[in-house]
Amino acid sequence: MRLELQWWTCSGGSRWCSLDDVNLGNLTIGGVYLIWHAGSPGRWVYVGKGHIRERLEEHRCDPRIGEYRPYGLLTSWAVGEPSYREGVERFLVEACRPLVGEKWPEVPPIEVNLPK
């Protein structure tokens, strides 16, 4: 099974969202999300799932993620059916190998597209 996700962008779809600057106030959705740093080369920092606003607000204060702030932290998320979220998260962890994180679901991965 492969799912095609619609990854969220900012500025009218022209660029990825800054983790620190994106307005999360009206965001009431659940799904999966990625945090990465721009850098040279850029690297995936964190993969997660859940209520997007709550999770990203927590990550803004996480010193393990903040360590990569000098490179410019970016984020994107996609709405996802709750029954698929753990499998999608598992795939994203395996595909991205994030720098931060310690436990992920022990479920079969569900393949998805990555943000481009």
N, C-alpha and C. Protein backbone atom coordinates (compact mmCIF):
# COMPACT_ATOMS: atom_id res chain seq x y z
N MET A 1 0.83 -1.17 0.00
CA MET A 1 0.00 0.00 0.00
C MET A 1 0.88 1.24 0.00
N ARG A 2 0.53 2.21 -0.83
CA ARG A 2 1.24 3.49 -0.87
C ARG A 2 0.19 4.60 -0.83
N LEU A 3 0.40 5.55 0.06
CA LEU A 3 -0.50 6.69 0.18
C LEU A 3 0.18 7.93 -0.38
N GLU A 4 -0.60 8.78 -1.03
CA GLU A 4 -0.11 10.06 -1.52
C GLU A 4 -0.58 11.14 -0.56
N LEU A 5 0.35 11.74 0.16
CA LEU A 5 0.01 12.77 1.14
C LEU A 5 0.14 14.16 0.53
N GLN A 6 -0.68 15.08 1.03
CA GLN A 6 -0.59 16.49 0.65
C GLN A 6 0.13 17.21 1.79
N TRP A 7 1.41 17.52 1.59
CA TRP A 7 2.22 18.16 2.63
C TRP A 7 1.94 19.66 2.64
N TRP A 8 1.75 20.21 3.82
CA TRP A 8 1.41 21.61 4.02
C TRP A 8 2.61 22.51 3.73
N THR A 9 2.35 23.64 3.05
CA THR A 9 3.38 24.64 2.81
C THR A 9 2.86 25.99 3.29
N CYS A 10 3.76 26.95 3.40
CA CYS A 10 3.41 28.31 3.82
C CYS A 10 3.58 29.26 2.64
N SER A 11 3.20 30.52 2.86
CA SER A 11 3.33 31.58 1.84
C SER A 11 2.69 31.18 0.52
N GLY A 12 1.45 30.75 0.60
CA GLY A 12 0.73 30.43 -0.62
C GLY A 12 1.28 29.22 -1.36
N GLY A 13 1.91 28.33 -0.63
CA GLY A 13 2.44 27.12 -1.24
C GLY A 13 3.81 27.26 -1.84
N SER A 14 4.47 28.40 -1.61
CA SER A 14 5.76 28.62 -2.26
C SER A 14 6.97 28.20 -1.43
N ARG A 15 6.76 27.93 -0.14
CA ARG A 15 7.93 27.52 0.66
C ARG A 15 7.48 26.73 1.88
N TRP A 16 8.43 26.04 2.49
CA TRP A 16 8.16 25.26 3.70
C TRP A 16 8.01 26.20 4.88
N CYS A 17 7.33 25.74 5.90
CA CYS A 17 7.04 26.55 7.08
C CYS A 17 8.21 26.53 8.07
N SER A 18 8.52 27.67 8.63
CA SER A 18 9.49 27.75 9.71
C SER A 18 8.83 27.21 10.98
N LEU A 19 9.49 26.30 11.66
CA LEU A 19 8.93 25.74 12.90
C LEU A 19 8.64 26.85 13.90
N ASP A 20 9.50 27.83 13.99
CA ASP A 20 9.35 28.88 14.99
C ASP A 20 8.33 29.95 14.61
N ASP A 21 8.09 30.15 13.33
CA ASP A 21 7.24 31.26 12.90
C ASP A 21 5.85 30.88 12.41
N VAL A 22 5.63 29.61 12.08
CA VAL A 22 4.33 29.23 11.53
C VAL A 22 3.23 29.44 12.58
N ASN A 23 2.11 30.02 12.14
CA ASN A 23 0.97 30.26 13.02
C ASN A 23 0.20 28.97 13.19
N LEU A 24 0.22 28.41 14.39
CA LEU A 24 -0.46 27.16 14.67
C LEU A 24 -1.81 27.37 15.34
N GLY A 25 -2.18 28.63 15.59
CA GLY A 25 -3.35 28.96 16.39
C GLY A 25 -4.65 28.31 15.97
N ASN A 26 -4.94 28.24 14.70
CA ASN A 26 -6.21 27.69 14.23
C ASN A 26 -6.09 26.24 13.74
N LEU A 27 -4.95 25.65 13.93
CA LEU A 27 -4.71 24.30 13.43
C LEU A 27 -5.35 23.28 14.37
N THR A 28 -6.34 22.55 13.90
CA THR A 28 -7.07 21.61 14.76
C THR A 28 -7.06 20.19 14.20
N ILE A 29 -6.11 19.89 13.35
CA ILE A 29 -6.09 18.59 12.68
C ILE A 29 -5.09 17.64 13.33
N GLY A 30 -5.26 16.38 13.03
CA GLY A 30 -4.30 15.36 13.41
C GLY A 30 -3.69 14.78 12.15
N GLY A 31 -2.52 14.22 12.29
CA GLY A 31 -1.86 13.63 11.14
C GLY A 31 -0.43 13.27 11.47
N VAL A 32 0.42 13.36 10.47
CA VAL A 32 1.85 13.10 10.63
C VAL A 32 2.60 14.38 10.28
N TYR A 33 3.82 14.50 10.78
CA TYR A 33 4.60 15.71 10.52
C TYR A 33 6.08 15.39 10.50
N LEU A 34 6.82 16.29 9.88
CA LEU A 34 8.28 16.20 9.80
C LEU A 34 8.87 17.53 10.23
N ILE A 35 10.02 17.48 10.86
CA ILE A 35 10.81 18.67 11.17
C ILE A 35 12.20 18.39 10.60
N TRP A 36 12.77 19.37 9.92
CA TRP A 36 14.11 19.21 9.37
C TRP A 36 14.85 20.53 9.44
N HIS A 37 16.16 20.46 9.27
CA HIS A 37 16.93 21.70 9.21
C HIS A 37 17.46 21.88 7.80
N ALA A 38 17.56 23.15 7.42
CA ALA A 38 17.99 23.47 6.06
C ALA A 38 19.44 23.05 5.87
N GLY A 39 20.36 23.70 6.55
CA GLY A 39 21.78 23.31 6.53
C GLY A 39 22.32 22.91 5.17
N SER A 40 23.54 22.46 5.18
CA SER A 40 24.17 21.98 3.96
C SER A 40 25.06 20.79 4.31
N PRO A 41 24.56 19.59 4.20
CA PRO A 41 23.23 19.26 3.68
C PRO A 41 22.17 19.37 4.77
N GLY A 42 20.93 19.51 4.34
CA GLY A 42 19.81 19.48 5.28
C GLY A 42 19.64 18.08 5.84
N ARG A 43 19.05 17.98 7.01
CA ARG A 43 18.83 16.67 7.64
C ARG A 43 17.46 16.64 8.29
N TRP A 44 16.86 15.48 8.30
CA TRP A 44 15.60 15.27 9.02
C TRP A 44 15.91 15.28 10.50
N VAL A 45 15.16 16.04 11.26
CA VAL A 45 15.40 16.16 12.70
C VAL A 45 14.41 15.33 13.50
N TYR A 46 13.12 15.34 13.13
CA TYR A 46 12.13 14.63 13.92
C TYR A 46 10.95 14.21 13.04
N VAL A 47 10.39 13.06 13.35
CA VAL A 47 9.19 12.53 12.69
C VAL A 47 8.17 12.25 13.78
N GLY A 48 6.92 12.62 13.56
CA GLY A 48 5.92 12.35 14.58
C GLY A 48 4.51 12.28 14.03
N LYS A 49 3.58 12.02 14.94
CA LYS A 49 2.16 11.94 14.59
C LYS A 49 1.35 12.46 15.76
N GLY A 50 0.09 12.78 15.52
CA GLY A 50 -0.79 13.24 16.58
C GLY A 50 -1.47 14.53 16.20
N HIS A 51 -1.90 15.25 17.23
CA HIS A 51 -2.54 16.56 17.04
C HIS A 51 -1.42 17.54 16.67
N ILE A 52 -1.44 18.02 15.45
CA ILE A 52 -0.31 18.77 14.90
C ILE A 52 0.05 20.00 15.74
N ARG A 53 -0.93 20.84 16.08
CA ARG A 53 -0.62 22.06 16.83
C ARG A 53 0.05 21.73 18.16
N GLU A 54 -0.53 20.82 18.92
CA GLU A 54 0.03 20.48 20.23
C GLU A 54 1.45 19.93 20.12
N ARG A 55 1.65 19.03 19.16
CA ARG A 55 2.96 18.41 19.03
C ARG A 55 4.02 19.43 18.60
N LEU A 56 3.71 20.26 17.61
CA LEU A 56 4.71 21.24 17.15
C LEU A 56 4.99 22.30 18.21
N GLU A 57 3.98 22.69 18.99
CA GLU A 57 4.23 23.62 20.09
C GLU A 57 5.19 23.00 21.10
N GLU A 58 5.03 21.72 21.40
CA GLU A 58 5.96 21.04 22.31
C GLU A 58 7.38 21.01 21.73
N HIS A 59 7.48 20.73 20.44
CA HIS A 59 8.80 20.61 19.82
C HIS A 59 9.53 21.95 19.74
N ARG A 60 8.79 23.04 19.69
CA ARG A 60 9.44 24.36 19.69
C ARG A 60 10.27 24.55 20.96
N CYS A 61 9.87 23.91 22.05
CA CYS A 61 10.55 24.06 23.34
C CYS A 61 11.51 22.92 23.65
N ASP A 62 11.59 21.94 22.80
CA ASP A 62 12.43 20.76 23.05
C ASP A 62 13.90 21.11 22.76
N PRO A 63 14.76 21.07 23.76
CA PRO A 63 16.16 21.44 23.53
C PRO A 63 16.89 20.51 22.56
N ARG A 64 16.44 19.26 22.46
CA ARG A 64 17.08 18.33 21.52
C ARG A 64 16.84 18.79 20.08
N ILE A 65 15.66 19.30 19.80
CA ILE A 65 15.35 19.82 18.48
C ILE A 65 15.94 21.21 18.31
N GLY A 66 15.88 22.03 19.36
CA GLY A 66 16.43 23.38 19.34
C GLY A 66 17.91 23.44 19.03
N GLU A 67 18.60 22.36 19.28
CA GLU A 67 20.03 22.27 18.97
C GLU A 67 20.30 22.56 17.49
N TYR A 68 19.32 22.27 16.63
CA TYR A 68 19.48 22.46 15.19
C TYR A 68 18.91 23.78 14.69
N ARG A 69 18.42 24.62 15.60
CA ARG A 69 17.82 25.91 15.25
C ARG A 69 18.78 26.80 14.44
N PRO A 70 20.10 26.83 14.72
CA PRO A 70 20.99 27.69 13.92
C PRO A 70 20.98 27.37 12.42
N TYR A 71 20.57 26.17 12.05
CA TYR A 71 20.51 25.79 10.63
C TYR A 71 19.19 26.19 9.98
N GLY A 72 18.20 26.58 10.79
CA GLY A 72 16.88 26.92 10.27
C GLY A 72 15.97 25.71 10.30
N LEU A 73 15.07 25.66 11.27
CA LEU A 73 14.16 24.52 11.41
C LEU A 73 12.90 24.73 10.57
N LEU A 74 12.60 23.76 9.75
CA LEU A 74 11.43 23.78 8.88
C LEU A 74 10.50 22.65 9.26
N THR A 75 9.23 22.79 8.88
CA THR A 75 8.26 21.74 9.19
C THR A 75 7.20 21.65 8.11
N SER A 76 6.59 20.49 8.04
CA SER A 76 5.42 20.27 7.21
C SER A 76 4.62 19.15 7.83
N TRP A 77 3.33 19.11 7.51
CA TRP A 77 2.46 18.07 8.04
C TRP A 77 1.44 17.68 6.99
N ALA A 78 0.84 16.53 7.21
CA ALA A 78 -0.20 16.03 6.32
C ALA A 78 -1.29 15.41 7.16
N VAL A 79 -2.52 15.65 6.76
CA VAL A 79 -3.66 15.04 7.44
C VAL A 79 -3.63 13.56 7.10
N GLY A 80 -3.97 12.75 8.09
CA GLY A 80 -3.97 11.32 7.84
C GLY A 80 -5.02 10.61 8.68
N GLU A 81 -5.61 9.59 8.10
CA GLU A 81 -6.56 8.77 8.83
C GLU A 81 -5.89 8.21 10.07
N PRO A 82 -6.55 8.27 11.21
CA PRO A 82 -5.94 7.75 12.44
C PRO A 82 -5.48 6.29 12.31
N SER A 83 -6.19 5.49 11.57
CA SER A 83 -5.82 4.08 11.46
C SER A 83 -4.52 3.87 10.68
N TYR A 84 -4.08 4.87 9.89
CA TYR A 84 -2.85 4.75 9.11
C TYR A 84 -1.67 5.46 9.74
N ARG A 85 -1.89 6.30 10.71
CA ARG A 85 -0.82 7.17 11.21
C ARG A 85 0.41 6.43 11.72
N GLU A 86 0.21 5.36 12.47
CA GLU A 86 1.38 4.66 13.01
C GLU A 86 2.20 4.03 11.90
N GLY A 87 1.56 3.44 10.91
CA GLY A 87 2.28 2.84 9.79
C GLY A 87 3.01 3.88 8.96
N VAL A 88 2.37 5.04 8.77
CA VAL A 88 3.01 6.14 8.03
C VAL A 88 4.20 6.66 8.82
N GLU A 89 4.02 6.86 10.12
CA GLU A 89 5.13 7.32 10.95
C GLU A 89 6.29 6.33 10.87
N ARG A 90 5.99 5.05 10.92
CA ARG A 90 7.05 4.02 10.84
C ARG A 90 7.82 4.15 9.52
N PHE A 91 7.09 4.32 8.41
CA PHE A 91 7.75 4.48 7.12
C PHE A 91 8.65 5.71 7.11
N LEU A 92 8.11 6.84 7.61
CA LEU A 92 8.88 8.08 7.61
C LEU A 92 10.15 7.96 8.45
N VAL A 93 10.06 7.28 9.57
CA VAL A 93 11.25 7.07 10.41
C VAL A 93 12.30 6.26 9.64
N GLU A 94 11.86 5.19 9.00
CA GLU A 94 12.80 4.35 8.26
C GLU A 94 13.38 5.08 7.05
N ALA A 95 12.57 5.90 6.38
CA ALA A 95 13.04 6.61 5.19
C ALA A 95 13.92 7.81 5.53
N CYS A 96 13.60 8.50 6.63
CA CYS A 96 14.28 9.76 6.95
C CYS A 96 15.40 9.62 7.96
N ARG A 97 15.37 8.61 8.80
CA ARG A 97 16.39 8.43 9.86
C ARG A 97 16.62 9.73 10.63
N PRO A 98 15.59 10.21 11.36
CA PRO A 98 15.71 11.50 12.05
C PRO A 98 16.81 11.51 13.11
N LEU A 99 17.35 12.70 13.33
CA LEU A 99 18.43 12.88 14.30
C LEU A 99 17.94 12.78 15.75
N VAL A 100 16.67 13.06 16.00
CA VAL A 100 16.10 13.06 17.35
C VAL A 100 14.93 12.09 17.39
N GLY A 101 14.83 11.36 18.46
CA GLY A 101 13.71 10.43 18.65
C GLY A 101 14.22 9.13 19.22
N GLU A 102 13.36 8.49 19.98
CA GLU A 102 13.83 7.29 20.65
C GLU A 102 12.91 6.09 20.54
N LYS A 103 11.63 6.32 20.26
CA LYS A 103 10.76 5.15 20.10
C LYS A 103 9.70 5.45 19.06
N TRP A 104 9.43 4.44 18.27
CA TRP A 104 8.46 4.55 17.21
C TRP A 104 7.59 3.30 17.18
N PRO A 105 6.47 3.38 16.51
CA PRO A 105 5.54 2.25 16.52
C PRO A 105 6.15 0.98 15.93
N GLU A 106 5.80 -0.13 16.54
CA GLU A 106 6.23 -1.44 16.04
C GLU A 106 5.11 -2.00 15.17
N VAL A 107 4.91 -1.39 14.02
CA VAL A 107 3.88 -1.79 13.07
C VAL A 107 4.51 -1.84 11.67
N PRO A 108 3.86 -2.52 10.74
CA PRO A 108 4.39 -2.51 9.37
C PRO A 108 4.33 -1.09 8.80
N PRO A 109 5.35 -0.69 8.05
CA PRO A 109 5.35 0.65 7.47
C PRO A 109 4.33 0.77 6.34
N ILE A 110 3.77 1.96 6.21
CA ILE A 110 2.91 2.30 5.07
C ILE A 110 3.62 3.38 4.27
N GLU A 111 3.99 3.06 3.07
CA GLU A 111 4.78 3.96 2.22
C GLU A 111 3.97 5.20 1.84
N VAL A 112 4.66 6.34 1.89
CA VAL A 112 4.09 7.63 1.49
C VAL A 112 5.14 8.43 0.74
N ASN A 113 4.70 9.47 0.07
CA ASN A 113 5.62 10.41 -0.57
C ASN A 113 6.18 11.35 0.50
N LEU A 114 7.39 11.80 0.28
CA LEU A 114 8.03 12.78 1.16
C LEU A 114 7.79 14.18 0.61
N PRO A 115 7.89 15.21 1.46
CA PRO A 115 7.77 16.58 0.93
C PRO A 115 8.84 16.84 -0.11
N LYS A 116 8.48 17.56 -1.17
CA LYS A 116 9.45 17.88 -2.24
C LYS A 116 9.68 19.36 -2.30
